[in-house]
C-alpha cells in the first residue's frame, strides 16, 4: 500500500530546496519633498484645496475680519488697528485670547461645542464690528462675506 504524502513531508529533492528572499533597502524619502496627504488628495481629484485659515467675514471699512482655522481648531478675529479697550474687554469676556505671534484674537474650537463656538464667534464679530464702526463714525452697512 503506497504511503500518502502529507504537506509536511516533501517527496522529491526539488521540493526540499528553499529559496530565501533578500529585502532590498527602501530608499528614504525626505518629508519636505513628499507632498502631504491633503496635497496628494487634491492633486488626485483635481480639486482646489481650501486655504487654512479661511475667512468667514470681513468689514474693510471697520478693519476687522473673522477667520476659522480647521487645522489649528481656532476661531480668530483680526484687526487692522489696535481696537479700543472696550472692544478688547469684550473679546476677553467672550473667551478670546491674544496670540502675539499671529497678531490675532483666538478662541479654541472644542469638539463637543464646535457649532456653538462658531455661532458665538460670529455674533461677537458682529458686535465688535458695530462697536468699531460707531467709534470711527462710519454708518452701519452691509458686511462683505468672503
N, C-alpha and C. Protein backbone atom coordinates (compact mmCIF):
# COMPACT_ATOMS: atom_id res chain seq x y z
N UNK A 1 0.84 -1.16 0.00
CA UNK A 1 0.00 0.00 0.00
C UNK A 1 0.90 1.23 0.00
N UNK A 2 0.68 2.16 -0.98
CA UNK A 2 1.52 3.35 -1.03
C UNK A 2 1.19 4.31 0.12
N UNK A 3 2.21 4.92 0.56
CA UNK A 3 2.07 5.86 1.66
C UNK A 3 1.56 7.20 1.14
N UNK A 4 0.60 7.81 1.84
CA UNK A 4 0.06 9.11 1.42
C UNK A 4 1.05 10.21 1.76
N UNK A 5 1.13 11.13 0.85
CA UNK A 5 2.03 12.28 1.06
C UNK A 5 1.30 13.37 1.84
N UNK A 6 1.91 13.90 2.87
CA UNK A 6 1.35 15.00 3.64
C UNK A 6 2.09 16.26 3.27
N UNK A 7 1.50 17.40 3.47
CA UNK A 7 2.17 18.65 3.10
C UNK A 7 3.47 18.87 3.84
N UNK A 8 3.64 18.28 5.01
CA UNK A 8 4.85 18.50 5.78
C UNK A 8 6.01 17.63 5.30
N UNK A 9 5.75 16.63 4.50
CA UNK A 9 6.79 15.70 4.07
C UNK A 9 6.98 15.77 2.57
N UNK A 10 7.96 16.53 2.08
CA UNK A 10 8.20 16.57 0.63
C UNK A 10 8.75 15.23 0.16
N UNK A 11 8.43 14.84 -1.09
CA UNK A 11 8.86 13.55 -1.61
C UNK A 11 10.02 13.66 -2.57
N UNK A 12 10.23 14.81 -3.17
CA UNK A 12 11.32 14.93 -4.13
C UNK A 12 12.33 15.94 -3.64
N UNK A 13 13.52 15.86 -4.22
CA UNK A 13 14.58 16.76 -3.84
C UNK A 13 14.26 18.21 -4.23
N UNK A 14 13.55 18.39 -5.35
CA UNK A 14 13.18 19.73 -5.80
C UNK A 14 12.27 20.41 -4.80
N UNK A 15 11.46 19.61 -4.17
CA UNK A 15 10.55 20.20 -3.19
C UNK A 15 11.24 20.56 -1.88
N UNK A 16 12.41 19.96 -1.63
CA UNK A 16 13.11 20.23 -0.38
C UNK A 16 13.95 21.49 -0.44
N UNK A 17 14.29 21.97 -1.61
CA UNK A 17 15.10 23.18 -1.70
C UNK A 17 14.24 24.39 -1.40
N UNK A 18 14.77 25.30 -0.68
CA UNK A 18 14.04 26.52 -0.32
C UNK A 18 14.78 27.72 -0.87
N UNK A 19 14.05 28.74 -1.08
CA UNK A 19 14.65 29.98 -1.53
C UNK A 19 14.40 31.04 -0.47
N UNK A 20 15.36 31.89 -0.31
CA UNK A 20 15.21 32.99 0.65
C UNK A 20 15.24 34.29 -0.11
N UNK A 21 14.34 35.16 0.23
CA UNK A 21 14.28 36.47 -0.42
C UNK A 21 15.07 37.47 0.41
N UNK A 22 15.88 38.23 -0.25
CA UNK A 22 16.66 39.26 0.42
C UNK A 22 15.94 40.58 0.21
N UNK A 23 15.64 41.23 1.30
CA UNK A 23 14.93 42.51 1.20
C UNK A 23 15.89 43.59 0.78
N UNK A 24 15.50 44.33 -0.24
CA UNK A 24 16.32 45.45 -0.69
C UNK A 24 16.02 46.64 0.19
N UNK A 25 17.02 47.44 0.49
CA UNK A 25 16.76 48.60 1.34
C UNK A 25 15.83 49.59 0.64
N UNK A 26 14.89 50.10 1.39
CA UNK A 26 13.93 51.06 0.86
C UNK A 26 14.57 52.44 0.93
N UNK A 27 14.64 53.16 -0.18
CA UNK A 27 15.25 54.49 -0.11
C UNK A 27 14.41 55.42 0.75
N UNK A 28 15.08 56.17 1.61
CA UNK A 28 14.38 57.09 2.49
C UNK A 28 13.93 58.30 1.69
N UNK A 29 12.71 58.73 1.97
CA UNK A 29 12.18 59.91 1.29
C UNK A 29 12.22 61.08 2.25
N UNK A 30 12.64 62.18 1.76
CA UNK A 30 12.68 63.39 2.57
C UNK A 30 11.25 63.88 2.75
N UNK A 31 10.83 64.10 4.00
CA UNK A 31 9.45 64.51 4.26
C UNK A 31 9.14 65.89 3.69
N UNK A 32 10.18 66.71 3.48
CA UNK A 32 9.94 68.04 2.90
C UNK A 32 9.58 67.94 1.42
N UNK A 33 10.13 66.94 0.74
CA UNK A 33 9.88 66.79 -0.68
C UNK A 33 8.59 66.05 -0.95
N UNK A 34 8.19 65.19 -0.04
CA UNK A 34 6.98 64.39 -0.23
C UNK A 34 5.76 65.23 0.08
N UNK A 35 4.78 65.29 -0.83
CA UNK A 35 3.58 66.09 -0.57
C UNK A 35 2.74 65.46 0.54
N UNK A 36 2.01 66.29 1.24
CA UNK A 36 1.16 65.80 2.31
C UNK A 36 -0.03 65.03 1.74
N UNK A 37 -0.75 64.38 2.63
CA UNK A 37 -1.93 63.62 2.22
C UNK A 37 -2.94 64.52 1.53
N UNK A 38 -3.16 65.71 2.10
CA UNK A 38 -4.15 66.63 1.54
C UNK A 38 -3.71 67.10 0.16
N UNK A 39 -2.41 67.37 0.00
CA UNK A 39 -1.92 67.79 -1.31
C UNK A 39 -2.08 66.67 -2.34
N UNK A 40 -1.77 65.46 -1.92
CA UNK A 40 -1.92 64.32 -2.83
C UNK A 40 -3.38 64.11 -3.19
N UNK A 41 -4.26 64.24 -2.21
CA UNK A 41 -5.68 64.05 -2.45
C UNK A 41 -6.19 65.12 -3.42
N UNK A 42 -5.76 66.37 -3.22
CA UNK A 42 -6.18 67.45 -4.10
C UNK A 42 -5.68 67.26 -5.51
N UNK A 43 -4.45 66.77 -5.66
CA UNK A 43 -3.90 66.53 -6.99
C UNK A 43 -4.63 65.38 -7.68
N UNK A 44 -4.94 64.36 -6.91
CA UNK A 44 -5.56 63.18 -7.48
C UNK A 44 -6.97 63.46 -7.95
N UNK A 45 -7.70 64.24 -7.18
CA UNK A 45 -9.09 64.51 -7.52
C UNK A 45 -9.27 65.81 -8.29
N UNK A 46 -8.19 66.49 -8.60
CA UNK A 46 -8.22 67.75 -9.33
C UNK A 46 -9.14 68.77 -8.66
N UNK A 47 -9.10 68.80 -7.35
CA UNK A 47 -9.92 69.75 -6.60
C UNK A 47 -9.05 70.89 -6.08
N UNK A 48 -9.68 72.00 -5.84
CA UNK A 48 -8.99 73.13 -5.23
C UNK A 48 -8.99 72.92 -3.73
N UNK A 49 -7.84 73.05 -3.12
CA UNK A 49 -7.73 72.85 -1.69
C UNK A 49 -8.05 74.17 -0.99
N UNK A 50 -8.90 74.12 0.03
CA UNK A 50 -9.34 75.30 0.76
C UNK A 50 -8.18 75.79 1.63
N UNK A 51 -7.87 77.08 1.59
CA UNK A 51 -6.78 77.59 2.42
C UNK A 51 -7.17 77.54 3.90
N UNK A 52 -6.17 77.44 4.72
CA UNK A 52 -6.40 77.40 6.16
C UNK A 52 -5.45 78.39 6.80
N UNK A 53 -5.88 79.36 7.53
CA UNK A 53 -7.26 79.64 7.93
C UNK A 53 -8.05 80.27 6.78
N UNK A 54 -9.34 80.06 6.80
CA UNK A 54 -10.16 80.64 5.75
C UNK A 54 -11.04 81.73 6.35
N UNK A 55 -11.30 82.73 5.54
CA UNK A 55 -12.08 83.86 6.00
C UNK A 55 -13.57 83.57 5.99
N UNK A 56 -14.24 84.01 7.03
CA UNK A 56 -15.68 83.84 7.13
C UNK A 56 -16.37 85.14 6.78
N UNK A 57 -15.89 86.25 7.36
CA UNK A 57 -16.50 87.55 7.09
C UNK A 57 -15.45 88.64 7.26
N UNK A 58 -15.68 89.77 6.59
CA UNK A 58 -14.74 90.87 6.67
C UNK A 58 -15.47 92.19 6.51
N UNK A 59 -15.05 93.16 7.29
CA UNK A 59 -15.55 94.53 7.15
C UNK A 59 -14.33 95.41 6.96
N UNK A 60 -14.06 95.76 5.71
CA UNK A 60 -12.85 96.51 5.41
C UNK A 60 -12.92 97.94 5.93
N UNK A 61 -14.10 98.52 5.97
CA UNK A 61 -14.24 99.89 6.47
C UNK A 61 -13.91 99.94 7.96
N UNK A 62 -14.36 98.94 8.72
CA UNK A 62 -14.08 98.90 10.15
C UNK A 62 -12.70 98.31 10.42
N UNK A 63 -12.17 97.55 9.49
CA UNK A 63 -10.84 96.96 9.66
C UNK A 63 -10.85 95.75 10.57
N UNK A 64 -11.86 94.90 10.42
CA UNK A 64 -11.96 93.69 11.25
C UNK A 64 -12.36 92.51 10.37
N UNK A 65 -11.75 91.34 10.64
CA UNK A 65 -12.03 90.13 9.88
C UNK A 65 -12.18 88.94 10.80
N UNK A 66 -13.04 88.01 10.41
CA UNK A 66 -13.27 86.78 11.16
C UNK A 66 -12.76 85.60 10.35
N UNK A 67 -11.94 84.74 10.98
CA UNK A 67 -11.36 83.58 10.33
C UNK A 67 -11.65 82.33 11.15
N UNK A 68 -11.56 81.18 10.47
CA UNK A 68 -11.57 79.90 11.16
C UNK A 68 -10.41 79.08 10.64
N UNK A 69 -9.66 78.49 11.55
CA UNK A 69 -8.58 77.59 11.19
C UNK A 69 -8.98 76.18 11.61
N UNK A 70 -9.26 75.34 10.65
CA UNK A 70 -9.66 73.96 10.97
C UNK A 70 -8.44 73.14 11.38
N UNK A 71 -7.29 73.48 10.84
CA UNK A 71 -6.08 72.74 11.19
C UNK A 71 -5.71 72.99 12.65
N UNK A 72 -5.77 74.25 13.08
CA UNK A 72 -5.43 74.60 14.46
C UNK A 72 -6.63 74.55 15.40
N UNK A 73 -7.84 74.33 14.83
CA UNK A 73 -9.09 74.30 15.60
C UNK A 73 -9.27 75.59 16.39
N UNK A 74 -9.24 76.72 15.66
CA UNK A 74 -9.37 78.04 16.28
C UNK A 74 -10.31 78.92 15.48
N UNK A 75 -11.04 79.78 16.19
CA UNK A 75 -11.72 80.92 15.58
C UNK A 75 -10.82 82.11 15.84
N UNK A 76 -10.69 83.00 14.88
CA UNK A 76 -9.77 84.14 15.03
C UNK A 76 -10.43 85.41 14.53
N UNK A 77 -10.18 86.50 15.26
CA UNK A 77 -10.61 87.83 14.85
C UNK A 77 -9.36 88.68 14.71
N UNK A 78 -9.22 89.30 13.55
CA UNK A 78 -8.04 90.12 13.25
C UNK A 78 -8.48 91.56 13.01
N UNK A 79 -7.71 92.48 13.56
CA UNK A 79 -7.97 93.91 13.41
C UNK A 79 -6.83 94.56 12.64
N UNK A 80 -7.18 95.55 11.79
CA UNK A 80 -6.15 96.30 11.08
C UNK A 80 -5.38 97.22 12.04
N UNK A 81 -6.09 97.77 13.00
CA UNK A 81 -5.50 98.65 14.01
C UNK A 81 -5.86 98.10 15.39
N UNK A 82 -5.12 98.55 16.39
CA UNK A 82 -5.43 98.13 17.76
C UNK A 82 -6.82 98.66 18.12
N UNK A 83 -7.71 97.74 18.57
CA UNK A 83 -9.07 98.18 18.94
C UNK A 83 -9.07 98.90 20.29
N UNK A 84 -10.20 99.54 20.58
CA UNK A 84 -10.33 100.26 21.85
C UNK A 84 -10.34 99.26 23.01
N UNK A 85 -10.12 99.78 24.21
CA UNK A 85 -10.11 98.93 25.40
C UNK A 85 -11.46 98.26 25.61
N UNK A 86 -12.53 98.95 25.26
CA UNK A 86 -13.88 98.38 25.39
C UNK A 86 -14.02 97.12 24.52
N UNK A 87 -13.50 97.17 23.30
CA UNK A 87 -13.55 96.02 22.40
C UNK A 87 -12.66 94.89 22.93
N UNK A 88 -11.49 95.24 23.42
CA UNK A 88 -10.58 94.23 23.98
C UNK A 88 -11.23 93.53 25.17
N UNK A 89 -11.87 94.30 26.05
CA UNK A 89 -12.55 93.70 27.20
C UNK A 89 -13.67 92.75 26.76
N UNK A 90 -14.39 93.13 25.72
CA UNK A 90 -15.47 92.28 25.20
C UNK A 90 -14.90 90.96 24.67
N UNK A 91 -13.78 91.05 23.96
CA UNK A 91 -13.13 89.84 23.44
C UNK A 91 -12.68 88.93 24.58
N UNK A 92 -12.07 89.51 25.61
CA UNK A 92 -11.61 88.73 26.75
C UNK A 92 -12.77 88.08 27.49
N UNK A 93 -13.86 88.83 27.67
CA UNK A 93 -15.04 88.29 28.36
C UNK A 93 -15.65 87.12 27.58
N UNK A 94 -15.48 87.13 26.27
CA UNK A 94 -16.04 86.07 25.44
C UNK A 94 -15.12 84.86 25.30
N UNK A 95 -13.97 84.90 25.95
CA UNK A 95 -13.06 83.75 25.93
C UNK A 95 -11.97 83.82 24.89
N UNK A 96 -11.86 84.92 24.16
CA UNK A 96 -10.80 85.08 23.18
C UNK A 96 -9.52 85.50 23.88
N UNK A 97 -8.39 85.04 23.37
CA UNK A 97 -7.08 85.38 23.91
C UNK A 97 -6.20 85.93 22.80
N UNK A 98 -5.29 86.83 23.17
CA UNK A 98 -4.39 87.45 22.21
C UNK A 98 -3.29 86.47 21.83
N UNK A 99 -3.07 86.30 20.53
CA UNK A 99 -1.99 85.47 20.01
C UNK A 99 -0.96 86.43 19.42
N UNK A 100 0.12 86.72 20.17
CA UNK A 100 1.08 87.72 19.69
C UNK A 100 1.86 87.29 18.44
N UNK A 101 2.07 86.01 18.26
CA UNK A 101 2.82 85.55 17.09
C UNK A 101 2.08 85.86 15.80
N UNK A 102 0.76 85.56 15.77
CA UNK A 102 -0.04 85.79 14.57
C UNK A 102 -0.77 87.12 14.58
N UNK A 103 -0.73 87.81 15.73
CA UNK A 103 -1.38 89.11 15.91
C UNK A 103 -2.88 89.04 15.64
N UNK A 104 -3.51 88.04 16.26
CA UNK A 104 -4.95 87.84 16.15
C UNK A 104 -5.50 87.45 17.52
N UNK A 105 -6.79 87.65 17.68
CA UNK A 105 -7.50 87.19 18.87
C UNK A 105 -8.08 85.83 18.53
N UNK A 106 -7.80 84.81 19.35
CA UNK A 106 -8.22 83.45 19.03
C UNK A 106 -9.06 82.83 20.14
N UNK A 107 -9.90 81.90 19.73
CA UNK A 107 -10.72 81.11 20.66
C UNK A 107 -10.66 79.67 20.18
N UNK A 108 -10.30 78.71 21.06
CA UNK A 108 -10.22 77.32 20.61
C UNK A 108 -11.59 76.74 20.30
N UNK A 109 -11.62 75.85 19.33
CA UNK A 109 -12.85 75.13 18.97
C UNK A 109 -12.72 73.72 19.53
N UNK A 110 -13.57 73.40 20.48
CA UNK A 110 -13.56 72.05 21.06
C UNK A 110 -14.62 71.20 20.36
N UNK A 111 -14.37 69.92 20.27
CA UNK A 111 -15.25 69.02 19.53
C UNK A 111 -16.67 69.04 20.07
N UNK A 112 -16.81 69.02 21.39
CA UNK A 112 -18.14 68.93 21.98
C UNK A 112 -18.95 70.21 21.82
N UNK A 113 -18.29 71.34 21.57
CA UNK A 113 -19.03 72.60 21.44
C UNK A 113 -18.64 73.38 20.19
N UNK A 114 -18.28 72.69 19.14
CA UNK A 114 -17.78 73.34 17.92
C UNK A 114 -18.81 74.27 17.29
N UNK A 115 -20.02 73.79 17.11
CA UNK A 115 -21.06 74.60 16.47
C UNK A 115 -21.38 75.83 17.30
N UNK A 116 -21.52 75.65 18.60
CA UNK A 116 -21.81 76.78 19.50
C UNK A 116 -20.69 77.81 19.45
N UNK A 117 -19.45 77.34 19.46
CA UNK A 117 -18.30 78.26 19.41
C UNK A 117 -18.31 79.07 18.13
N UNK A 118 -18.60 78.44 17.01
CA UNK A 118 -18.64 79.15 15.72
C UNK A 118 -19.75 80.21 15.71
N UNK A 119 -20.92 79.85 16.22
CA UNK A 119 -22.05 80.79 16.25
C UNK A 119 -21.73 81.96 17.17
N UNK A 120 -21.19 81.68 18.35
CA UNK A 120 -20.86 82.76 19.29
C UNK A 120 -19.75 83.66 18.74
N UNK A 121 -18.79 83.08 18.03
CA UNK A 121 -17.72 83.89 17.43
C UNK A 121 -18.29 84.82 16.35
N UNK A 122 -19.24 84.34 15.57
CA UNK A 122 -19.85 85.19 14.55
C UNK A 122 -20.68 86.31 15.18
N UNK A 123 -21.38 85.99 16.25
CA UNK A 123 -22.14 87.03 16.96
C UNK A 123 -21.21 88.08 17.56
N UNK A 124 -20.12 87.62 18.17
CA UNK A 124 -19.15 88.55 18.75
C UNK A 124 -18.53 89.41 17.66
N UNK A 125 -18.21 88.82 16.53
CA UNK A 125 -17.66 89.58 15.41
C UNK A 125 -18.62 90.70 15.01
N UNK A 126 -19.92 90.40 14.92
CA UNK A 126 -20.91 91.41 14.55
C UNK A 126 -20.97 92.54 15.58
N UNK A 127 -20.93 92.19 16.87
CA UNK A 127 -20.96 93.20 17.93
C UNK A 127 -19.72 94.08 17.88
N UNK A 128 -18.55 93.45 17.76
CA UNK A 128 -17.29 94.18 17.73
C UNK A 128 -17.23 95.07 16.50
N UNK A 129 -17.67 94.56 15.40
CA UNK A 129 -17.70 95.32 14.14
C UNK A 129 -18.55 96.58 14.28
N UNK A 130 -19.73 96.44 14.91
CA UNK A 130 -20.60 97.60 15.13
C UNK A 130 -19.96 98.60 16.09
N UNK A 131 -19.29 98.10 17.13
CA UNK A 131 -18.61 98.99 18.08
C UNK A 131 -17.52 99.81 17.38
N UNK A 132 -16.74 99.16 16.54
CA UNK A 132 -15.66 99.86 15.83
C UNK A 132 -16.24 100.86 14.83
N UNK A 133 -17.30 100.49 14.14
CA UNK A 133 -17.95 101.41 13.21
C UNK A 133 -18.46 102.65 13.94
N UNK A 134 -19.04 102.47 15.11
CA UNK A 134 -19.52 103.62 15.89
C UNK A 134 -18.36 104.49 16.35
N UNK A 135 -17.26 103.85 16.81
CA UNK A 135 -16.08 104.61 17.24
C UNK A 135 -15.48 105.42 16.10
N UNK A 136 -15.50 104.88 14.89
CA UNK A 136 -14.93 105.56 13.73
C UNK A 136 -15.92 106.51 13.05
N UNK A 137 -17.18 106.45 13.47
CA UNK A 137 -18.18 107.31 12.87
C UNK A 137 -18.63 106.84 11.50
N UNK A 138 -18.54 105.58 11.24
CA UNK A 138 -18.96 105.00 9.95
C UNK A 138 -20.40 104.54 10.12
N UNK A 139 -21.24 104.89 9.14
CA UNK A 139 -22.63 104.46 9.23
C UNK A 139 -22.71 102.96 9.06
N UNK A 140 -23.68 102.36 9.69
CA UNK A 140 -23.85 100.93 9.65
C UNK A 140 -24.11 100.47 8.22
N UNK A 141 -23.39 99.45 7.79
CA UNK A 141 -23.54 98.97 6.43
C UNK A 141 -23.43 97.47 6.36
N UNK A 142 -23.61 96.99 5.16
CA UNK A 142 -23.53 95.56 4.91
C UNK A 142 -22.10 95.08 4.99
N UNK A 143 -21.87 93.97 5.66
CA UNK A 143 -20.53 93.41 5.70
C UNK A 143 -20.24 92.69 4.38
N UNK A 144 -18.96 92.46 4.13
CA UNK A 144 -18.56 91.76 2.92
C UNK A 144 -18.15 90.36 3.30
N UNK A 145 -18.97 89.35 3.01
CA UNK A 145 -18.56 87.98 3.32
C UNK A 145 -17.53 87.50 2.33
N UNK A 146 -16.72 86.58 2.74
CA UNK A 146 -15.70 86.01 1.85
C UNK A 146 -16.35 85.09 0.87
